[in-house]
Structure formats: structure tokens, C-alpha cells
């Protein structure tokens, strides 16, 4: 079996092109991934914010929702 030598720069460029082609072909996948990331960031921020506020009784929460 023959061995092929590829420079690091060439390999990096080929990988970038392959990823770009894959994302171009599957824009819906990229959109879904970005939506998930944004949701995770928002959830983490909500949790962080919640940890800095006073606790509220469960009944008070449900009373406010009614």
C-alpha cells in the first residue's frame, strides 16, 4: 500500500473545504445546530439568573399563572 504525504496546511485546507461543502449541502442541519446552541445558552442564562434571585414558594408561582 502506498503512503501519501500531505502538508499540514494542505490537510487543513481540504478539511475546511469538506466542512464547507457539507454545510452548504445541509443548511438545515446547520440551522438546527445553531438553534440548539442558542436555546442552550438562553437556558444557562435563565438558570444563572434564577440562582441570583430569591426563592418563591411553588403555590405562589401557580397562583401568579392563574
PDB file of N, CA and C in Angstrom:
ATOM      1  N   UNK A   1       0.844  -1.181   0.000  1.00  0.00           N
ATOM      2  CA  UNK A   1       0.000   0.000   0.000  1.00  0.00           C
ATOM      3  C   UNK A   1       0.889   1.244   0.000  1.00  0.00           C
ATOM      4  N   UNK A   2       0.605   2.184  -0.854  1.00  0.00           N
ATOM      5  CA  UNK A   2       1.415   3.392  -0.985  1.00  0.00           C
ATOM      6  C   UNK A   2       1.044   4.397   0.098  1.00  0.00           C
ATOM      7  N   UNK A   3       2.029   5.139   0.550  1.00  0.00           N
ATOM      8  CA  UNK A   3       1.805   6.185   1.543  1.00  0.00           C
ATOM      9  C   UNK A   3       1.775   7.535   0.842  1.00  0.00           C
ATOM     10  N   UNK A   4       0.894   8.391   1.296  1.00  0.00           N
ATOM     11  CA  UNK A   4       0.780   9.733   0.730  1.00  0.00           C
ATOM     12  C   UNK A   4       1.142  10.721   1.829  1.00  0.00           C
ATOM     13  N   UNK A   5       1.978  11.681   1.493  1.00  0.00           N
ATOM     14  CA  UNK A   5       2.368  12.705   2.442  1.00  0.00           C
ATOM     15  C   UNK A   5       1.652  14.003   2.075  1.00  0.00           C
ATOM     16  N   UNK A   6       0.980  14.573   3.063  1.00  0.00           N
ATOM     17  CA  UNK A   6       0.234  15.820   2.853  1.00  0.00           C
ATOM     18  C   UNK A   6       0.699  16.813   3.906  1.00  0.00           C
ATOM     19  N   UNK A   7       0.963  18.013   3.480  1.00  0.00           N
ATOM     20  CA  UNK A   7       1.387  19.036   4.441  1.00  0.00           C
ATOM     21  C   UNK A   7       0.209  19.397   5.346  1.00  0.00           C
ATOM     22  N   UNK A   8       0.556  19.914   6.508  1.00  0.00           N
ATOM     23  CA  UNK A   8      -0.476  20.307   7.472  1.00  0.00           C
ATOM     24  C   UNK A   8      -1.396  21.373   6.883  1.00  0.00           C
ATOM     25  N   UNK A   9      -0.835  22.327   6.162  1.00  0.00           N
ATOM     26  CA  UNK A   9      -1.645  23.382   5.544  1.00  0.00           C
ATOM     27  C   UNK A   9      -2.603  22.821   4.493  1.00  0.00           C
ATOM     28  N   UNK A  10      -2.116  21.875   3.690  1.00  0.00           N
ATOM     29  CA  UNK A  10      -2.984  21.260   2.675  1.00  0.00           C
ATOM     30  C   UNK A  10      -4.106  20.471   3.324  1.00  0.00           C
ATOM     31  N   UNK A  11      -3.771  19.728   4.367  1.00  0.00           N
ATOM     32  CA  UNK A  11      -4.785  18.954   5.074  1.00  0.00           C
ATOM     33  C   UNK A  11      -5.834  19.872   5.697  1.00  0.00           C
ATOM     34  N   UNK A  12      -5.369  20.954   6.310  1.00  0.00           N
ATOM     35  CA  UNK A  12      -6.283  21.922   6.923  1.00  0.00           C
ATOM     36  C   UNK A  12      -7.219  22.527   5.869  1.00  0.00           C
ATOM     37  N   UNK A  13      -6.677  22.884   4.719  1.00  0.00           N
ATOM     38  CA  UNK A  13      -7.472  23.472   3.637  1.00  0.00           C
ATOM     39  C   UNK A  13      -8.494  22.463   3.102  1.00  0.00           C
ATOM     40  N   UNK A  14      -8.077  21.212   2.927  1.00  0.00           N
ATOM     41  CA  UNK A  14      -9.010  20.183   2.449  1.00  0.00           C
ATOM     42  C   UNK A  14     -10.130  19.947   3.457  1.00  0.00           C
ATOM     43  N   UNK A  15      -9.785  19.940   4.740  1.00  0.00           N
ATOM     44  CA  UNK A  15     -10.796  19.748   5.780  1.00  0.00           C
ATOM     45  C   UNK A  15     -11.784  20.914   5.806  1.00  0.00           C
ATOM     46  N   UNK A  16     -11.266  22.132   5.703  1.00  0.00           N
ATOM     47  CA  UNK A  16     -12.140  23.309   5.659  1.00  0.00           C
ATOM     48  C   UNK A  16     -13.107  23.230   4.479  1.00  0.00           C
ATOM     49  N   UNK A  17     -12.590  22.845   3.327  1.00  0.00           N
ATOM     50  CA  UNK A  17     -13.425  22.746   2.135  1.00  0.00           C
ATOM     51  C   UNK A  17     -14.482  21.651   2.292  1.00  0.00           C
ATOM     52  N   UNK A  18     -14.098  20.536   2.887  1.00  0.00           N
ATOM     53  CA  UNK A  18     -15.046  19.437   3.088  1.00  0.00           C
ATOM     54  C   UNK A  18     -16.165  19.852   4.041  1.00  0.00           C
ATOM     55  N   UNK A  19     -15.806  20.536   5.117  1.00  0.00           N
ATOM     56  CA  UNK A  19     -16.820  21.002   6.072  1.00  0.00           C
ATOM     57  C   UNK A  19     -17.720  22.045   5.416  1.00  0.00           C
ATOM     58  N   UNK A  20     -17.138  22.971   4.673  1.00  0.00           N
ATOM     59  CA  UNK A  20     -17.929  23.997   3.986  1.00  0.00           C
ATOM     60  C   UNK A  20     -18.889  23.360   2.987  1.00  0.00           C
ATOM     61  N   UNK A  21     -18.415  22.376   2.232  1.00  0.00           N
ATOM     62  CA  UNK A  21     -19.285  21.685   1.272  1.00  0.00           C
ATOM     63  C   UNK A  21     -20.421  20.951   1.973  1.00  0.00           C
ATOM     64  N   UNK A  22     -20.096  20.281   3.071  1.00  0.00           N
ATOM     65  CA  UNK A  22     -21.118  19.542   3.817  1.00  0.00           C
ATOM     66  C   UNK A  22     -22.166  20.493   4.378  1.00  0.00           C
ATOM     67  N   UNK A  23     -21.723  21.625   4.931  1.00  0.00           N
ATOM     68  CA  UNK A  23     -22.669  22.582   5.489  1.00  0.00           C
ATOM     69  C   UNK A  23     -23.489  23.261   4.397  1.00  0.00           C
ATOM     70  N   UNK A  24     -22.879  23.469   3.247  1.00  0.00           N
ATOM     71  CA  UNK A  24     -23.612  24.058   2.127  1.00  0.00           C
ATOM     72  C   UNK A  24     -24.708  23.106   1.652  1.00  0.00           C
ATOM     73  N   UNK A  25     -24.388  21.814   1.635  1.00  0.00           N
ATOM     74  CA  UNK A  25     -25.365  20.809   1.219  1.00  0.00           C
ATOM     75  C   UNK A  25     -26.462  20.616   2.258  1.00  0.00           C
ATOM     76  N   UNK A  26     -26.147  20.831   3.532  1.00  0.00           N
ATOM     77  CA  UNK A  26     -27.102  20.585   4.615  1.00  0.00           C
ATOM     78  C   UNK A  26     -27.317  21.835   5.461  1.00  0.00           C
ATOM     79  N   UNK A  27     -27.781  22.889   4.838  1.00  0.00           N
ATOM     80  CA  UNK A  27     -28.030  24.141   5.568  1.00  0.00           C
ATOM     81  C   UNK A  27     -29.027  23.937   6.700  1.00  0.00           C
ATOM     82  N   UNK A  28     -29.999  23.046   6.490  1.00  0.00           N
ATOM     83  CA  UNK A  28     -30.987  22.775   7.525  1.00  0.00           C
ATOM     84  C   UNK A  28     -30.322  22.211   8.781  1.00  0.00           C
ATOM     85  N   UNK A  29     -29.290  21.388   8.600  1.00  0.00           N
ATOM     86  CA  UNK A  29     -28.575  20.822   9.736  1.00  0.00           C
ATOM     87  C   UNK A  29     -27.859  21.917  10.516  1.00  0.00           C
ATOM     88  N   UNK A  30     -27.200  22.817   9.816  1.00  0.00           N
ATOM     89  CA  UNK A  30     -26.515  23.927  10.470  1.00  0.00           C
ATOM     90  C   UNK A  30     -27.515  24.806  11.213  1.00  0.00           C
ATOM     91  N   UNK A  31     -28.650  25.079  10.596  1.00  0.00           N
ATOM     92  CA  UNK A  31     -29.688  25.889  11.231  1.00  0.00           C
ATOM     93  C   UNK A  31     -30.176  25.226  12.515  1.00  0.00           C
ATOM     94  N   UNK A  32     -30.391  23.912  12.483  1.00  0.00           N
ATOM     95  CA  UNK A  32     -30.846  23.181  13.663  1.00  0.00           C
ATOM     96  C   UNK A  32     -29.805  23.197  14.780  1.00  0.00           C
ATOM     97  N   UNK A  33     -28.550  23.033  14.407  1.00  0.00           N
ATOM     98  CA  UNK A  33     -27.473  23.056  15.403  1.00  0.00           C
ATOM     99  C   UNK A  33     -27.388  24.427  16.053  1.00  0.00           C
ATOM    100  N   UNK A  34     -27.457  25.471  15.253  1.00  0.00           N
ATOM    101  CA  UNK A  34     -27.385  26.830  15.804  1.00  0.00           C
ATOM    102  C   UNK A  34     -28.573  27.124  16.712  1.00  0.00           C
ATOM    103  N   UNK A  35     -29.756  26.658  16.342  1.00  0.00           N
ATOM    104  CA  UNK A  35     -30.940  26.851  17.181  1.00  0.00           C
ATOM    105  C   UNK A  35     -30.756  26.156  18.525  1.00  0.00           C
ATOM    106  N   UNK A  36     -30.218  24.944  18.509  1.00  0.00           N
ATOM    107  CA  UNK A  36     -29.964  24.207  19.747  1.00  0.00           C
ATOM    108  C   UNK A  36     -28.952  24.941  20.628  1.00  0.00           C
ATOM    109  N   UNK A  37     -27.910  25.459  20.020  1.00  0.00           N
ATOM    110  CA  UNK A  37     -26.884  26.186  20.773  1.00  0.00           C
ATOM    111  C   UNK A  37     -27.490  27.423  21.418  1.00  0.00           C
ATOM    112  N   UNK A  38     -28.280  28.172  20.670  1.00  0.00           N
ATOM    113  CA  UNK A  38     -28.904  29.381  21.218  1.00  0.00           C
ATOM    114  C   UNK A  38     -29.863  29.044  22.354  1.00  0.00           C
ATOM    115  N   UNK A  39     -30.616  27.961  22.209  1.00  0.00           N
ATOM    116  CA  UNK A  39     -31.527  27.535  23.277  1.00  0.00           C
ATOM    117  C   UNK A  39     -30.742  27.160  24.528  1.00  0.00           C
ATOM    118  N   UNK A  40     -29.630  26.447  24.355  1.00  0.00           N
ATOM    119  CA  UNK A  40     -28.812  26.047  25.500  1.00  0.00           C
ATOM    120  C   UNK A  40     -28.215  27.255  26.209  1.00  0.00           C
ATOM    121  N   UNK A  41     -27.765  28.238  25.430  1.00  0.00           N
ATOM    122  CA  UNK A  41     -27.201  29.452  26.022  1.00  0.00           C
ATOM    123  C   UNK A  41     -28.282  30.210  26.791  1.00  0.00           C
ATOM    124  N   UNK A  42     -29.473  30.312  26.224  1.00  0.00           N
ATOM    125  CA  UNK A  42     -30.573  31.007  26.894  1.00  0.00           C
ATOM    126  C   UNK A  42     -30.980  30.279  28.176  1.00  0.00           C
ATOM    127  N   UNK A  43     -31.033  28.955  28.131  1.00  0.00           N
ATOM    128  CA  UNK A  43     -31.386  28.184  29.319  1.00  0.00           C
ATOM    129  C   UNK A  43     -30.333  28.362  30.409  1.00  0.00           C
ATOM    130  N   UNK A  44     -29.061  28.317  30.029  1.00  0.00           N
ATOM    131  CA  UNK A  44     -27.989  28.512  31.009  1.00  0.00           C
ATOM    132  C   UNK A  44     -28.072  29.892  31.644  1.00  0.00           C
ATOM    133  N   UNK A  45     -28.384  30.901  30.849  1.00  0.00           N
ATOM    134  CA  UNK A  45     -28.514  32.263  31.383  1.00  0.00           C
ATOM    135  C   UNK A  45     -29.719  32.366  32.316  1.00  0.00           C
ATOM    136  N   UNK A  46     -30.822  31.714  31.970  1.00  0.00           N
ATOM    137  CA  UNK A  46     -32.008  31.722  32.836  1.00  0.00           C
ATOM    138  C   UNK A  46     -31.704  31.040  34.169  1.00  0.00           C
ATOM    139  N   UNK A  47     -30.986  29.937  34.119  1.00  0.00           N
ATOM    140  CA  UNK A  47     -30.619  29.240  35.359  1.00  0.00           C
ATOM    141  C   UNK A  47     -29.701  30.115  36.195  1.00  0.00           C
ATOM    142  N   UNK A  48     -28.706  30.714  35.560  1.00  0.00           N
ATOM    143  CA  UNK A  48     -27.772  31.591  36.273  1.00  0.00           C
ATOM    144  C   UNK A  48     -28.523  32.757  36.917  1.00  0.00           C
ATOM    145  N   UNK A  49     -29.446  33.337  36.184  1.00  0.00           N
ATOM    146  CA  UNK A  49     -30.233  34.450  36.704  1.00  0.00           C
ATOM    147  C   UNK A  49     -31.106  33.987  37.863  1.00  0.00           C
ATOM    148  N   UNK A  50     -31.693  32.810  37.728  1.00  0.00           N
ATOM    149  CA  UNK A  50     -32.544  32.267  38.780  1.00  0.00           C
ATOM    150  C   UNK A  50     -31.792  31.985  40.065  1.00  0.00           C
ATOM    151  N   UNK A  51     -30.544  31.613  39.956  1.00  0.00           N
ATOM    152  CA  UNK A  51     -29.745  31.338  41.145  1.00  0.00           C
ATOM    153  C   UNK A  51     -29.437  32.610  41.931  1.00  0.00           C
ATOM    154  N   UNK A  52     -29.551  33.749  41.273  1.00  0.00           N
ATOM    155  CA  UNK A  52     -29.242  35.025  41.928  1.00  0.00           C
ATOM    156  C   UNK A  52     -30.477  35.718  42.498  1.00  0.00           C
ATOM    157  N   UNK A  53     -31.649  35.111  42.386  1.00  0.00           N
ATOM    158  CA  UNK A  53     -32.876  35.734  42.880  1.00  0.00           C
ATOM    159  C   UNK A  53     -33.379  34.986  44.113  1.00  0.00           C
ATOM    160  N   UNK A  54     -34.324  35.602  44.803  1.00  0.00           N
ATOM    161  CA  UNK A  54     -34.911  34.981  45.988  1.00  0.00           C
ATOM    162  C   UNK A  54     -35.791  33.808  45.598  1.00  0.00           C
ATOM    163  N   UNK A  55     -35.888  32.848  46.496  1.00  0.00           N
ATOM    164  CA  UNK A  55     -36.751  31.691  46.256  1.00  0.00           C
ATOM    165  C   UNK A  55     -38.213  32.097  46.416  1.00  0.00           C
ATOM    166  N   UNK A  56     -39.067  31.410  45.668  1.00  0.00           N
ATOM    167  CA  UNK A  56     -40.505  31.663  45.720  1.00  0.00           C
ATOM    168  C   UNK A  56     -41.200  30.332  45.964  1.00  0.00           C
ATOM    169  N   UNK A  57     -42.235  30.354  46.759  1.00  0.00           N
ATOM    170  CA  UNK A  57     -42.992  29.135  47.030  1.00  0.00           C
ATOM    171  C   UNK A  57     -43.708  28.666  45.772  1.00  0.00           C
ATOM    172  N   UNK A  58     -43.840  27.368  45.623  1.00  0.00           N
ATOM    173  CA  UNK A  58     -44.485  26.762  44.457  1.00  0.00           C
ATOM    174  C   UNK A  58     -45.917  27.269  44.289  1.00  0.00           C
ATOM    175  N   UNK A  59     -46.641  27.347  45.375  1.00  0.00           N
ATOM    176  CA  UNK A  59     -48.034  27.820  45.315  1.00  0.00           C
ATOM    177  C   UNK A  59     -48.119  29.251  44.797  1.00  0.00           C
ATOM    178  N   UNK A  60     -47.146  30.090  45.163  1.00  0.00           N
ATOM    179  CA  UNK A  60     -47.125  31.476  44.682  1.00  0.00           C
ATOM    180  C   UNK A  60     -46.924  31.538  43.160  1.00  0.00           C
ATOM    181  N   UNK A  61     -46.097  30.635  42.643  1.00  0.00           N
ATOM    182  CA  UNK A  61     -45.859  30.594  41.206  1.00  0.00           C
ATOM    183  C   UNK A  61     -47.139  30.227  40.473  1.00  0.00           C
ATOM    184  N   UNK A  62     -47.810  29.168  40.942  1.00  0.00           N
ATOM    185  CA  UNK A  62     -49.037  28.728  40.272  1.00  0.00           C
ATOM    186  C   UNK A  62     -50.164  29.742  40.443  1.00  0.00           C
ATOM    187  N   UNK A  63     -50.184  30.445  41.558  1.00  0.00           N
ATOM    188  CA  UNK A  63     -51.191  31.487  41.757  1.00  0.00           C
ATOM    189  C   UNK A  63     -50.983  32.623  40.766  1.00  0.00           C
ATOM    190  N   UNK A  64     -49.733  32.944  40.489  1.00  0.00           N
ATOM    191  CA  UNK A  64     -49.424  34.024  39.538  1.00  0.00           C
ATOM    192  C   UNK A  64     -49.781  33.612  38.124  1.00  0.00           C
ATOM    193  N   UNK A  65     -49.745  32.309  37.833  1.00  0.00           N
ATOM    194  CA  UNK A  65     -50.061  31.831  36.477  1.00  0.00           C
ATOM    195  C   UNK A  65     -51.569  31.766  36.223  1.00  0.00           C
ATOM    196  N   UNK A  66     -52.337  31.718  37.279  1.00  0.00           N
ATOM    197  CA  UNK A  66     -53.808  31.654  37.098  1.00  0.00           C
ATOM    198  C   UNK A  66     -54.406  32.945  36.674  1.00  0.00           C
TER     199      UNK A  66
END
